[in-house]
Amino acid sequence: MTHEIKHLVAEALAWQKDNRKIVLATVVAMEGSSYRRPGVRMLLNDLGASFGAVSGGCVEKEVQIQAQSVFESGVPKMMTYDGRLRLGCEGIIYVLLEPMVLSSSLSHSLQSALEQRVPFSSISYFNLEVGSHLGFGTQFVFEDQVFSLREHFSTGDGFSTFEQEFPPLFQCCIFGAEHDAVILTKAAFALGWEVTVIAAPDEQKTLAYFPGAKRLLTPTIDEFDLSTIDDQTAIVLMTHSLSKDVQYLLKLSETRPAYLGLLGPAKRREQLIGHLLEHKPEVDLGFIEQLRGPAGVNIGAENAQEVAVSILAEILSVVRNQEPIPLSLKKGQIHE
């Protein structure tokens, strides 16, 4: 969700520069099943443009229709969409529509939180009943600072609330600079992840070679900065060099990322662990147990594109603590 907020705010700022009126639509509650869960958002402007989506496509037209009264009155409102009466999902979603004016203080605080990898949160005030109310609205909280999406916003008691936590942007650190690293970079970027490519100091490629990457780093092992690796970080070692992977693993053994995958067969993982223990016998066993090799889930991947899908699927399953099985075999709801 953090990357979605990042892109929504960027689009809203661009619209504000063009003096457009903006309405933010937020799913704040649901009953039954829905394509997306509470917390998903979309933007609309007074020229009829939209950005993002609150469903798979069945709700957006109704949101645009309902938003017109908010553009005209400037007063937030609640709307519902009952998928049971249509051909969409078999559930009811509750959508808060509110005018959105981003202050420079809010946008600066968001940018600072994203860059410093500091979590933040939001809280939306609403009632489930359809209707308009000046007390409806959303605030964003950055540590001890609270920002509203419109001036002179205040709310009182008696409202329902939807609170949402935004962790640091999920990032993928790819160690390697060959063709498969390029493909994985593109695929990870498509998921909204922040991608960093780490290559050897003598690497001749530039950032432009890796579409979607935010940065290309070529540090020596001693210069490599571990400070940004946290529990919102996935690491994939794919240098195609056993010696380089060993050196990187020795350095990375001081970190605890959310995921650490090793390209290559199971035998290569055992070789890497053997070299790691030989050079650093005191390494934490928890780090060794975290190493996943071969990286990816078994989908019969053959080429670099399919391998990237396999690896990203495993990362998602690990981060979200899910067993990667066909949904047709899953008992209960898709989202639990």
C-alpha atoms as a PDB file:
ATOM      1  CA  MET A   1       0.000   0.000   0.000  1.00  0.00           C
ATOM      2  CA  THR A   2       2.875   2.413   0.667  1.00  0.00           C
ATOM      3  CA  HIS A   3       3.916   2.523  -2.966  1.00  0.00           C
ATOM      4  CA  GLU A   4       0.311   3.210  -3.972  1.00  0.00           C
ATOM      5  CA  ILE A   5       0.164   6.220  -1.656  1.00  0.00           C
ATOM      6  CA  LYS A   6       3.476   7.444  -3.085  1.00  0.00           C
ATOM      7  CA  HIS A   7       2.120   7.361  -6.639  1.00  0.00           C
ATOM      8  CA  LEU A   8      -1.269   8.819  -5.665  1.00  0.00           C
ATOM      9  CA  VAL A   9       0.345  11.801  -3.974  1.00  0.00           C
ATOM     10  CA  ALA A  10       2.651  12.399  -6.940  1.00  0.00           C
ATOM     11  CA  GLU A  11      -0.341  12.424  -9.293  1.00  0.00           C
ATOM     12  CA  ALA A  12      -2.358  14.669  -6.970  1.00  0.00           C
ATOM     13  CA  LEU A  13       0.484  17.189  -6.800  1.00  0.00           C
ATOM     14  CA  ALA A  14       0.650  17.266 -10.597  1.00  0.00           C
ATOM     15  CA  TRP A  15      -3.100  17.914 -10.780  1.00  0.00           C
ATOM     16  CA  GLN A  16      -2.853  20.641  -8.149  1.00  0.00           C
ATOM     17  CA  LYS A  17      -0.262  22.451 -10.269  1.00  0.00           C
ATOM     18  CA  ASP A  18      -2.862  22.502 -13.046  1.00  0.00           C
ATOM     19  CA  ASN A  19      -5.439  23.942 -10.607  1.00  0.00           C
ATOM     20  CA  ARG A  20      -7.640  20.879 -10.767  1.00  0.00           C
ATOM     21  CA  LYS A  21     -10.155  19.984  -8.070  1.00  0.00           C
ATOM     22  CA  ILE A  22      -9.415  16.546  -6.634  1.00  0.00           C
ATOM     23  CA  VAL A  23     -11.510  13.936  -4.858  1.00  0.00           C
ATOM     24  CA  LEU A  24      -9.929  11.022  -3.019  1.00  0.00           C
ATOM     25  CA  ALA A  25     -11.923   7.786  -2.859  1.00  0.00           C
ATOM     26  CA  THR A  26     -10.979   5.355  -0.078  1.00  0.00           C
ATOM     27  CA  VAL A  27     -12.500   1.967   0.672  1.00  0.00           C
ATOM     28  CA  VAL A  28     -12.951   2.170   4.446  1.00  0.00           C
ATOM     29  CA  ALA A  29     -15.067  -0.926   5.143  1.00  0.00           C
ATOM     30  CA  MET A  30     -16.523  -3.984   3.457  1.00  0.00           C
ATOM     31  CA  GLU A  31     -18.933  -6.847   4.003  1.00  0.00           C
ATOM     32  CA  GLY A  32     -18.438 -10.136   2.211  1.00  0.00           C
ATOM     33  CA  SER A  33     -15.904 -10.481  -0.589  1.00  0.00           C
ATOM     34  CA  SER A  34     -14.336  -7.805  -2.738  1.00  0.00           C
ATOM     35  CA  TYR A  35     -11.522  -7.527  -5.280  1.00  0.00           C
ATOM     36  CA  ARG A  36      -9.549  -5.207  -2.979  1.00  0.00           C
ATOM     37  CA  ARG A  37      -9.657  -4.753   0.755  1.00  0.00           C
ATOM     38  CA  PRO A  38     -10.153  -1.596   2.862  1.00  0.00           C
ATOM     39  CA  GLY A  39      -7.339   0.892   2.401  1.00  0.00           C
ATOM     40  CA  VAL A  40      -7.292   0.909  -1.386  1.00  0.00           C
ATOM     41  CA  ARG A  41      -7.689   4.361  -2.970  1.00  0.00           C
ATOM     42  CA  MET A  42      -8.191   6.191  -6.230  1.00  0.00           C
ATOM     43  CA  LEU A  43      -8.084   9.823  -7.334  1.00  0.00           C
ATOM     44  CA  LEU A  44     -10.534  11.735  -9.496  1.00  0.00           C
ATOM     45  CA  ASN A  45     -10.375  15.267 -10.859  1.00  0.00           C
ATOM     46  CA  ASP A  46     -12.964  17.729 -12.137  1.00  0.00           C
ATOM     47  CA  LEU A  47     -12.095  17.017 -15.775  1.00  0.00           C
ATOM     48  CA  GLY A  48     -13.179  13.402 -15.429  1.00  0.00           C
ATOM     49  CA  ALA A  49      -9.695  11.898 -15.157  1.00  0.00           C
ATOM     50  CA  SER A  50      -8.935   9.191 -12.618  1.00  0.00           C
ATOM     51  CA  PHE A  51      -5.843   7.526 -11.202  1.00  0.00           C
ATOM     52  CA  GLY A  52      -5.742   4.181  -9.447  1.00  0.00           C
ATOM     53  CA  ALA A  53      -8.683   1.895  -8.771  1.00  0.00           C
ATOM     54  CA  VAL A  54     -10.699   0.619  -5.815  1.00  0.00           C
ATOM     55  CA  SER A  55     -11.692  -2.671  -7.426  1.00  0.00           C
ATOM     56  CA  GLY A  56     -11.050  -4.753 -10.495  1.00  0.00           C
ATOM     57  CA  GLY A  57     -13.113  -2.353 -12.592  1.00  0.00           C
ATOM     58  CA  CYS A  58     -16.732  -2.865 -11.558  1.00  0.00           C
ATOM     59  CA  VAL A  59     -16.930   0.006  -9.045  1.00  0.00           C
ATOM     60  CA  GLU A  60     -14.972   2.847 -10.624  1.00  0.00           C
ATOM     61  CA  LYS A  61     -17.736   4.205 -12.872  1.00  0.00           C
ATOM     62  CA  GLU A  62     -20.110   4.510  -9.915  1.00  0.00           C
ATOM     63  CA  VAL A  63     -17.387   6.234  -7.886  1.00  0.00           C
ATOM     64  CA  GLN A  64     -16.968   8.832 -10.637  1.00  0.00           C
ATOM     65  CA  ILE A  65     -20.713   9.480 -10.695  1.00  0.00           C
ATOM     66  CA  GLN A  66     -20.948   9.822  -6.904  1.00  0.00           C
ATOM     67  CA  ALA A  67     -17.889  12.092  -6.777  1.00  0.00           C
ATOM     68  CA  GLN A  68     -19.616  14.819  -8.792  1.00  0.00           C
ATOM     69  CA  SER A  69     -21.560  16.081  -5.780  1.00  0.00           C
ATOM     70  CA  VAL A  70     -18.313  16.314  -3.793  1.00  0.00           C
ATOM     71  CA  PHE A  71     -16.736  18.421  -6.538  1.00  0.00           C
ATOM     72  CA  GLU A  72     -19.769  20.707  -6.464  1.00  0.00           C
ATOM     73  CA  SER A  73     -20.282  21.021  -2.699  1.00  0.00           C
ATOM     74  CA  GLY A  74     -16.819  20.423  -1.281  1.00  0.00           C
ATOM     75  CA  VAL A  75     -18.433  18.220   1.384  1.00  0.00           C
ATOM     76  CA  PRO A  76     -17.213  14.619   1.907  1.00  0.00           C
ATOM     77  CA  LYS A  77     -19.710  11.815   1.480  1.00  0.00           C
ATOM     78  CA  MET A  78     -20.085   8.074   1.940  1.00  0.00           C
ATOM     79  CA  MET A  79     -21.221   5.772  -0.832  1.00  0.00           C
ATOM     80  CA  THR A  80     -21.766   2.044  -0.997  1.00  0.00           C
ATOM     81  CA  TYR A  81     -21.473  -0.451  -3.804  1.00  0.00           C
ATOM     82  CA  ASP A  82     -23.420  -3.680  -3.434  1.00  0.00           C
ATOM     83  CA  GLY A  83     -21.854  -6.308  -5.668  1.00  0.00           C
ATOM     84  CA  ARG A  84     -24.573  -8.789  -4.748  1.00  0.00           C
ATOM     85  CA  LEU A  85     -26.995  -6.850  -6.938  1.00  0.00           C
ATOM     86  CA  ARG A  86     -24.656  -6.707  -9.910  1.00  0.00           C
ATOM     87  CA  LEU A  87     -22.202  -8.943 -11.733  1.00  0.00           C
ATOM     88  CA  GLY A  88     -19.216  -7.949  -9.620  1.00  0.00           C
ATOM     89  CA  CYS A  89     -17.908  -9.325  -6.338  1.00  0.00           C
ATOM     90  CA  GLU A  90     -20.417 -10.745  -3.901  1.00  0.00           C
ATOM     91  CA  GLY A  91     -20.001  -8.138  -1.207  1.00  0.00           C
ATOM     92  CA  ILE A  92     -20.652  -4.565  -0.141  1.00  0.00           C
ATOM     93  CA  ILE A  93     -17.898  -1.969  -0.085  1.00  0.00           C
ATOM     94  CA  TYR A  94     -18.086   1.393   1.674  1.00  0.00           C
ATOM     95  CA  VAL A  95     -16.228   4.226  -0.019  1.00  0.00           C
ATOM     96  CA  LEU A  96     -15.345   7.583   1.523  1.00  0.00           C
ATOM     97  CA  LEU A  97     -15.227  10.403  -1.036  1.00  0.00           C
ATOM     98  CA  GLU A  98     -13.515  13.583   0.108  1.00  0.00           C
ATOM     99  CA  PRO A  99     -11.950  16.719  -1.360  1.00  0.00           C
ATOM    100  CA  MET A 100      -8.161  16.492  -1.392  1.00  0.00           C
ATOM    101  CA  VAL A 101      -5.808  19.454  -1.129  1.00  0.00           C
ATOM    102  CA  LEU A 102      -2.213  18.522  -0.363  1.00  0.00           C
ATOM    103  CA  SER A 103      -0.298  21.023   1.722  1.00  0.00           C
ATOM    104  CA  SER A 104       3.421  21.457   1.170  1.00  0.00           C
ATOM    105  CA  SER A 105       3.974  20.315   4.755  1.00  0.00           C
ATOM    106  CA  LEU A 106       2.161  17.036   4.155  1.00  0.00           C
ATOM    107  CA  SER A 107       3.959  16.299   0.893  1.00  0.00           C
ATOM    108  CA  HIS A 108       7.338  17.142   2.432  1.00  0.00           C
ATOM    109  CA  SER A 109       6.645  14.922   5.441  1.00  0.00           C
ATOM    110  CA  LEU A 110       5.642  12.060   3.166  1.00  0.00           C
ATOM    111  CA  GLN A 111       8.758  12.439   1.046  1.00  0.00           C
ATOM    112  CA  SER A 112      10.933  12.520   4.158  1.00  0.00           C
ATOM    113  CA  ALA A 113       9.268   9.400   5.581  1.00  0.00           C
ATOM    114  CA  LEU A 114       9.758   7.527   2.308  1.00  0.00           C
ATOM    115  CA  GLU A 115      13.404   8.522   1.968  1.00  0.00           C
ATOM    116  CA  GLN A 116      14.268   7.796   5.604  1.00  0.00           C
ATOM    117  CA  ARG A 117      12.226   4.567   5.591  1.00  0.00           C
ATOM    118  CA  VAL A 118      10.091   5.675   8.518  1.00  0.00           C
ATOM    119  CA  PRO A 119       6.569   4.216   8.900  1.00  0.00           C
ATOM    120  CA  PHE A 120       3.524   6.474   9.001  1.00  0.00           C
ATOM    121  CA  SER A 121      -0.229   6.016   9.277  1.00  0.00           C
ATOM    122  CA  SER A 122      -3.629   7.383   8.330  1.00  0.00           C
ATOM    123  CA  ILE A 123      -7.018   7.558   9.983  1.00  0.00           C
ATOM    124  CA  SER A 124     -10.325   8.126   8.196  1.00  0.00           C
ATOM    125  CA  TYR A 125     -13.522   9.275   9.932  1.00  0.00           C
ATOM    126  CA  PHE A 126     -16.883   8.212   8.510  1.00  0.00           C
ATOM    127  CA  ASN A 127     -20.296   6.678   9.114  1.00  0.00           C
ATOM    128  CA  LEU A 128     -21.510   3.615   7.265  1.00  0.00           C
ATOM    129  CA  GLU A 129     -24.767   5.340   6.364  1.00  0.00           C
ATOM    130  CA  VAL A 130     -24.818   6.895   2.911  1.00  0.00           C
ATOM    131  CA  GLY A 131     -24.706  10.689   3.084  1.00  0.00           C
ATOM    132  CA  SER A 132     -22.543  13.799   3.342  1.00  0.00           C
ATOM    133  CA  HIS A 133     -20.914  15.264   6.443  1.00  0.00           C
ATOM    134  CA  LEU A 134     -18.204  17.854   7.086  1.00  0.00           C
ATOM    135  CA  GLY A 135     -16.872  15.624   9.854  1.00  0.00           C
ATOM    136  CA  PHE A 136     -15.881  12.926   7.384  1.00  0.00           C
ATOM    137  CA  GLY A 137     -12.273  12.954   6.251  1.00  0.00           C
ATOM    138  CA  THR A 138      -8.772  11.547   6.432  1.00  0.00           C
ATOM    139  CA  GLN A 139      -5.670  12.545   8.342  1.00  0.00           C
ATOM    140  CA  PHE A 140      -2.101  11.333   7.860  1.00  0.00           C
ATOM    141  CA  VAL A 141       0.178  10.923  10.858  1.00  0.00           C
ATOM    142  CA  PHE A 142       3.960  11.227  10.646  1.00  0.00           C
ATOM    143  CA  GLU A 143       5.405  10.542  14.098  1.00  0.00           C
ATOM    144  CA  ASP A 144       4.003  13.470  16.115  1.00  0.00           C
ATOM    145  CA  GLN A 145       2.655  15.497  13.177  1.00  0.00           C
ATOM    146  CA  VAL A 146      -0.917  15.209  11.896  1.00  0.00           C
ATOM    147  CA  PHE A 147      -2.035  16.527   8.498  1.00  0.00           C
ATOM    148  CA  SER A 148      -5.548  16.720   7.076  1.00  0.00           C
ATOM    149  CA  LEU A 149      -6.454  16.527   3.402  1.00  0.00           C
ATOM    150  CA  ARG A 150      -8.371  19.797   3.505  1.00  0.00           C
ATOM    151  CA  GLU A 151      -8.169  23.039   5.444  1.00  0.00           C
ATOM    152  CA  HIS A 152     -10.130  23.589   8.646  1.00  0.00           C
ATOM    153  CA  PHE A 153     -10.951  19.902   9.009  1.00  0.00           C
ATOM    154  CA  SER A 154     -12.188  18.818  12.408  1.00  0.00           C
ATOM    155  CA  THR A 155     -14.116  15.798  13.516  1.00  0.00           C
ATOM    156  CA  GLY A 156     -16.059  14.879  16.603  1.00  0.00           C
ATOM    157  CA  ASP A 157     -17.184  11.857  18.544  1.00  0.00           C
ATOM    158  CA  GLY A 158     -19.512   9.241  17.173  1.00  0.00           C
ATOM    159  CA  PHE A 159     -17.732   8.490  13.909  1.00  0.00           C
ATOM    160  CA  SER A 160     -16.407   5.147  12.803  1.00  0.00           C
ATOM    161  CA  THR A 161     -12.707   5.108  12.004  1.00  0.00           C
ATOM    162  CA  PHE A 162     -10.480   3.231   9.612  1.00  0.00           C
ATOM    163  CA  GLU A 163      -6.810   3.245  10.583  1.00  0.00           C
ATOM    164  CA  GLN A 164      -4.019   2.127   8.292  1.00  0.00           C
ATOM    165  CA  GLU A 165      -0.310   1.615   8.876  1.00  0.00           C
ATOM    166  CA  PHE A 166       2.195   2.279   6.095  1.00  0.00           C
ATOM    167  CA  PRO A 167       5.553   0.525   6.512  1.00  0.00           C
ATOM    168  CA  PRO A 168       8.644   1.673   4.605  1.00  0.00           C
ATOM    169  CA  LEU A 169       8.493   1.055   0.865  1.00  0.00           C
ATOM    170  CA  PHE A 170       9.185  -2.579   0.121  1.00  0.00           C
ATOM    171  CA  GLN A 171      12.540  -2.817  -1.584  1.00  0.00           C
ATOM    172  CA  CYS A 172      14.294  -5.496  -3.609  1.00  0.00           C
ATOM    173  CA  CYS A 173      18.090  -5.575  -3.658  1.00  0.00           C
ATOM    174  CA  ILE A 174      19.400  -7.544  -6.615  1.00  0.00           C
ATOM    175  CA  PHE A 175      23.042  -8.597  -6.488  1.00  0.00           C
ATOM    176  CA  GLY A 176      24.113  -9.169 -10.067  1.00  0.00           C
ATOM    177  CA  ALA A 177      24.203  -7.377 -13.397  1.00  0.00           C
ATOM    178  CA  GLU A 178      23.507 -10.026 -16.014  1.00  0.00           C
ATOM    179  CA  HIS A 179      20.453 -10.387 -18.259  1.00  0.00           C
ATOM    180  CA  ASP A 180      18.363 -12.208 -15.648  1.00  0.00           C
ATOM    181  CA  ALA A 181      18.976  -9.376 -13.179  1.00  0.00           C
ATOM    182  CA  VAL A 182      17.582  -6.936 -15.752  1.00  0.00           C
ATOM    183  CA  ILE A 183      14.431  -9.038 -16.137  1.00  0.00           C
ATOM    184  CA  LEU A 184      13.960  -9.398 -12.379  1.00  0.00           C
ATOM    185  CA  THR A 185      14.420  -5.643 -11.967  1.00  0.00           C
ATOM    186  CA  LYS A 186      11.628  -4.913 -14.445  1.00  0.00           C
ATOM    187  CA  ALA A 187       9.278  -7.412 -12.815  1.00  0.00           C
ATOM    188  CA  ALA A 188       9.920  -6.181  -9.261  1.00  0.00           C
ATOM    189  CA  PHE A 189       9.407  -2.583 -10.362  1.00  0.00           C
ATOM    190  CA  ALA A 190       6.065  -3.569 -11.907  1.00  0.00           C
ATOM    191  CA  LEU A 191       4.949  -4.687  -8.428  1.00  0.00           C
ATOM    192  CA  GLY A 192       5.662  -1.202  -7.106  1.00  0.00           C
ATOM    193  CA  TRP A 193       8.817  -2.207  -5.270  1.00  0.00           C
ATOM    194  CA  GLU A 194      11.851   0.030  -4.984  1.00  0.00           C
ATOM    195  CA  VAL A 195      14.688  -1.776  -6.751  1.00  0.00           C
ATOM    196  CA  THR A 196      18.416  -1.419  -6.122  1.00  0.00           C
ATOM    197  CA  VAL A 197      20.940  -3.275  -8.256  1.00  0.00           C
ATOM    198  CA  ILE A 198      24.311  -4.044  -6.671  1.00  0.00           C
ATOM    199  CA  ALA A 199      27.169  -4.973  -8.988  1.00  0.00           C
ATOM    200  CA  ALA A 200      30.927  -5.436  -8.768  1.00  0.00           C
ATOM    201  CA  PRO A 201      33.103  -2.282  -8.770  1.00  0.00           C
ATOM    202  CA  ASP A 202      34.432  -3.113 -12.233  1.00  0.00           C
ATOM    203  CA  GLU A 203      30.950  -3.403 -13.746  1.00  0.00           C
ATOM    204  CA  GLN A 204      30.696  -1.352 -16.946  1.00  0.00           C
ATOM    205  CA  LYS A 205      26.891  -1.171 -17.129  1.00  0.00           C
ATOM    206  CA  THR A 206      24.954   1.968 -16.192  1.00  0.00           C
ATOM    207  CA  LEU A 207      21.623   2.522 -14.434  1.00  0.00           C
ATOM    208  CA  ALA A 208      19.899   2.833 -17.820  1.00  0.00           C
ATOM    209  CA  TYR A 209      20.656  -0.845 -18.449  1.00  0.00           C
ATOM    210  CA  PHE A 210      18.235  -1.767 -15.634  1.00  0.00           C
ATOM    211  CA  PRO A 211      14.791  -0.279 -16.444  1.00  0.00           C
ATOM    212  CA  GLY A 212      12.842   0.233 -13.234  1.00  0.00           C
ATOM    213  CA  ALA A 213      15.844   0.343 -10.909  1.00  0.00           C
ATOM    214  CA  LYS A 214      16.063   3.363  -8.632  1.00  0.00           C
ATOM    215  CA  ARG A 215      19.807   3.038  -8.221  1.00  0.00           C
ATOM    216  CA  LEU A 216      22.816   1.039  -9.366  1.00  0.00           C
ATOM    217  CA  LEU A 217      25.524   0.615  -6.747  1.00  0.00           C
ATOM    218  CA  THR A 218      29.033  -0.662  -7.414  1.00  0.00           C
ATOM    219  CA  PRO A 219      30.718  -0.628  -3.997  1.00  0.00           C
ATOM    220  CA  THR A 220      33.553  -2.757  -2.793  1.00  0.00           C
ATOM    221  CA  ILE A 221      32.560  -5.280  -0.140  1.00  0.00           C
ATOM    222  CA  ASP A 222      33.970  -3.072   2.616  1.00  0.00           C
ATOM    223  CA  GLU A 223      32.124  -0.015   1.296  1.00  0.00           C
ATOM    224  CA  PHE A 224      28.739  -1.695   1.054  1.00  0.00           C
ATOM    225  CA  ASP A 225      26.177   0.089   3.261  1.00  0.00           C
ATOM    226  CA  LEU A 226      23.903  -2.270   5.191  1.00  0.00           C
ATOM    227  CA  SER A 227      21.950   0.424   7.015  1.00  0.00           C
ATOM    228  CA  THR A 228      18.959   0.437   4.640  1.00  0.00           C
ATOM    229  CA  ILE A 229      18.408  -3.335   4.755  1.00  0.00           C
ATOM    230  CA  ASP A 230      15.448  -3.991   7.045  1.00  0.00           C
ATOM    231  CA  ASP A 231      12.386  -6.202   7.407  1.00  0.00           C
ATOM    232  CA  GLN A 232      10.884  -4.565   4.317  1.00  0.00           C
ATOM    233  CA  THR A 233      13.761  -5.745   2.124  1.00  0.00           C
ATOM    234  CA  ALA A 234      14.082  -8.743  -0.187  1.00  0.00           C
ATOM    235  CA  ILE A 235      17.548  -9.757  -1.374  1.00  0.00           C
ATOM    236  CA  VAL A 236      18.337 -11.938  -4.368  1.00  0.00           C
ATOM    237  CA  LEU A 237      21.901 -13.103  -5.034  1.00  0.00           C
ATOM    238  CA  MET A 238      22.356 -13.756  -8.743  1.00  0.00           C
ATOM    239  CA  THR A 239      25.928 -12.777  -9.578  1.00  0.00           C
ATOM    240  CA  HIS A 240      26.668 -16.115 -11.309  1.00  0.00           C
ATOM    241  CA  SER A 241      29.934 -16.104  -9.360  1.00  0.00           C
ATOM    242  CA  LEU A 242      30.386 -18.380  -6.354  1.00  0.00           C
ATOM    243  CA  SER A 243      33.209 -16.283  -4.919  1.00  0.00           C
ATOM    244  CA  LYS A 244      31.236 -13.038  -5.219  1.00  0.00           C
ATOM    245  CA  ASP A 245      28.168 -14.611  -3.638  1.00  0.00           C
ATOM    246  CA  VAL A 246      30.293 -15.833  -0.728  1.00  0.00           C
ATOM    247  CA  GLN A 247      31.695 -12.346  -0.157  1.00  0.00           C
ATOM    248  CA  TYR A 248      28.249 -10.785  -0.281  1.00  0.00           C
ATOM    249  CA  LEU A 249      26.822 -13.416   2.070  1.00  0.00           C
ATOM    250  CA  LEU A 250      29.577 -12.767   4.591  1.00  0.00           C
ATOM    251  CA  LYS A 251      28.628  -9.110   4.592  1.00  0.00           C
ATOM    252  CA  LEU A 252      24.874  -9.740   4.549  1.00  0.00           C
ATOM    253  CA  SER A 253      25.100 -12.122   7.516  1.00  0.00           C
ATOM    254  CA  GLU A 254      24.977  -8.995   9.678  1.00  0.00           C
ATOM    255  CA  THR A 255      21.450  -8.208   8.427  1.00  0.00           C
ATOM    256  CA  ARG A 256      17.960  -9.677   8.776  1.00  0.00           C
ATOM    257  CA  PRO A 257      16.040  -8.970   5.564  1.00  0.00           C
ATOM    258  CA  ALA A 258      12.532 -10.252   4.966  1.00  0.00           C
ATOM    259  CA  TYR A 259      13.813 -12.608   2.277  1.00  0.00           C
ATOM    260  CA  LEU A 260      17.184 -13.775   0.978  1.00  0.00           C
ATOM    261  CA  GLY A 261      17.166 -15.921  -2.146  1.00  0.00           C
ATOM    262  CA  LEU A 262      20.045 -17.653  -3.908  1.00  0.00           C
ATOM    263  CA  LEU A 263      19.970 -18.305  -7.640  1.00  0.00           C
ATOM    264  CA  GLY A 264      21.074 -21.783  -8.637  1.00  0.00           C
ATOM    265  CA  PRO A 265      20.488 -25.407  -7.606  1.00  0.00           C
ATOM    266  CA  ALA A 266      20.275 -26.746  -4.054  1.00  0.00           C
ATOM    267  CA  LYS A 267      23.863 -27.993  -4.324  1.00  0.00           C
ATOM    268  CA  ARG A 268      25.052 -24.420  -4.819  1.00  0.00           C
ATOM    269  CA  ARG A 269      23.243 -23.325  -1.658  1.00  0.00           C
ATOM    270  CA  GLU A 270      25.091 -25.995   0.315  1.00  0.00           C
ATOM    271  CA  GLN A 271      28.386 -24.855  -1.197  1.00  0.00           C
ATOM    272  CA  LEU A 272      27.689 -21.261  -0.214  1.00  0.00           C
ATOM    273  CA  ILE A 273      26.763 -22.250   3.328  1.00  0.00           C
ATOM    274  CA  GLY A 274      29.938 -24.324   3.593  1.00  0.00           C
ATOM    275  CA  HIS A 275      32.116 -21.405   2.514  1.00  0.00           C
ATOM    276  CA  LEU A 276      30.186 -19.059   4.798  1.00  0.00           C
ATOM    277  CA  LEU A 277      30.787 -21.274   7.850  1.00  0.00           C
ATOM    278  CA  GLU A 278      34.418 -21.743   6.894  1.00  0.00           C
ATOM    279  CA  HIS A 279      35.040 -17.989   6.855  1.00  0.00           C
ATOM    280  CA  LYS A 280      32.641 -17.080   9.666  1.00  0.00           C
ATOM    281  CA  PRO A 281      31.899 -20.064  11.943  1.00  0.00           C
ATOM    282  CA  GLU A 282      30.145 -17.828  14.458  1.00  0.00           C
ATOM    283  CA  VAL A 283      27.435 -16.823  11.970  1.00  0.00           C
ATOM    284  CA  ASP A 284      23.923 -16.873  13.417  1.00  0.00           C
ATOM    285  CA  LEU A 285      22.107 -20.087  12.492  1.00  0.00           C
ATOM    286  CA  GLY A 286      18.945 -18.068  11.990  1.00  0.00           C
ATOM    287  CA  PHE A 287      20.607 -16.349   9.059  1.00  0.00           C
ATOM    288  CA  ILE A 288      21.548 -19.669   7.471  1.00  0.00           C
ATOM    289  CA  GLU A 289      18.026 -21.029   7.904  1.00  0.00           C
ATOM    290  CA  GLN A 290      16.691 -17.952   6.147  1.00  0.00           C
ATOM    291  CA  LEU A 291      18.656 -18.633   2.949  1.00  0.00           C
ATOM    292  CA  ARG A 292      16.345 -19.848   0.189  1.00  0.00           C
ATOM    293  CA  GLY A 293      17.966 -21.715  -2.637  1.00  0.00           C
ATOM    294  CA  PRO A 294      17.019 -22.384  -5.302  1.00  0.00           C
ATOM    295  CA  ALA A 295      15.152 -19.075  -5.114  1.00  0.00           C
ATOM    296  CA  GLY A 296      11.563 -19.236  -6.319  1.00  0.00           C
ATOM    297  CA  VAL A 297       8.525 -21.502  -6.266  1.00  0.00           C
ATOM    298  CA  ASN A 298       8.029 -24.502  -8.512  1.00  0.00           C
ATOM    299  CA  ILE A 299       6.021 -23.300 -11.513  1.00  0.00           C
ATOM    300  CA  GLY A 300       8.134 -24.989 -14.172  1.00  0.00           C
ATOM    301  CA  ALA A 301       9.994 -21.772 -15.008  1.00  0.00           C
ATOM    302  CA  GLU A 302      12.293 -22.064 -18.026  1.00  0.00           C
ATOM    303  CA  ASN A 303      13.417 -18.599 -19.156  1.00  0.00           C
ATOM    304  CA  ALA A 304      14.491 -15.450 -17.313  1.00  0.00           C
ATOM    305  CA  GLN A 305      11.008 -13.944 -17.372  1.00  0.00           C
ATOM    306  CA  GLU A 306       9.449 -17.045 -15.852  1.00  0.00           C
ATOM    307  CA  VAL A 307      12.224 -17.342 -13.277  1.00  0.00           C
ATOM    308  CA  ALA A 308      11.513 -13.745 -12.237  1.00  0.00           C
ATOM    309  CA  VAL A 309       7.829 -14.586 -11.730  1.00  0.00           C
ATOM    310  CA  SER A 310       8.828 -17.628  -9.680  1.00  0.00           C
ATOM    311  CA  ILE A 311      11.176 -15.619  -7.451  1.00  0.00           C
ATOM    312  CA  LEU A 312       8.732 -12.767  -6.892  1.00  0.00           C
ATOM    313  CA  ALA A 313       5.969 -15.240  -6.059  1.00  0.00           C
ATOM    314  CA  GLU A 314       8.155 -16.776  -3.371  1.00  0.00           C
ATOM    315  CA  ILE A 315       9.066 -13.370  -1.964  1.00  0.00           C
ATOM    316  CA  LEU A 316       5.385 -12.446  -1.682  1.00  0.00           C
ATOM    317  CA  SER A 317       4.521 -15.766  -0.051  1.00  0.00           C
ATOM    318  CA  VAL A 318       7.298 -15.359   2.524  1.00  0.00           C
ATOM    319  CA  VAL A 319       6.546 -11.726   3.318  1.00  0.00           C
ATOM    320  CA  ARG A 320       2.827 -12.415   3.669  1.00  0.00           C
ATOM    321  CA  ASN A 321       3.287 -15.741   5.428  1.00  0.00           C
ATOM    322  CA  GLN A 322       1.316 -17.689   2.849  1.00  0.00           C
ATOM    323  CA  GLU A 323       1.797 -21.142   1.368  1.00  0.00           C
ATOM    324  CA  PRO A 324       1.981 -20.775  -2.436  1.00  0.00           C
ATOM    325  CA  ILE A 325      -0.736 -23.207  -3.516  1.00  0.00           C
ATOM    326  CA  PRO A 326      -3.448 -22.956  -6.199  1.00  0.00           C
ATOM    327  CA  LEU A 327      -6.290 -20.813  -4.872  1.00  0.00           C
ATOM    328  CA  SER A 328      -8.691 -23.534  -5.975  1.00  0.00           C
ATOM    329  CA  LEU A 329      -7.197 -25.725  -3.231  1.00  0.00           C
ATOM    330  CA  LYS A 330      -7.319 -23.060  -0.539  1.00  0.00           C
ATOM    331  CA  LYS A 331      -9.983 -23.489   2.112  1.00  0.00           C
ATOM    332  CA  GLY A 332     -11.882 -20.419   3.208  1.00  0.00           C
ATOM    333  CA  GLN A 333     -11.685 -16.936   1.750  1.00  0.00           C
ATOM    334  CA  ILE A 334      -8.900 -15.701  -0.517  1.00  0.00           C
ATOM    335  CA  HIS A 335      -8.091 -12.887   1.936  1.00  0.00           C
ATOM    336  CA  GLU A 336      -8.090 -13.881   5.591  1.00  0.00           C
END
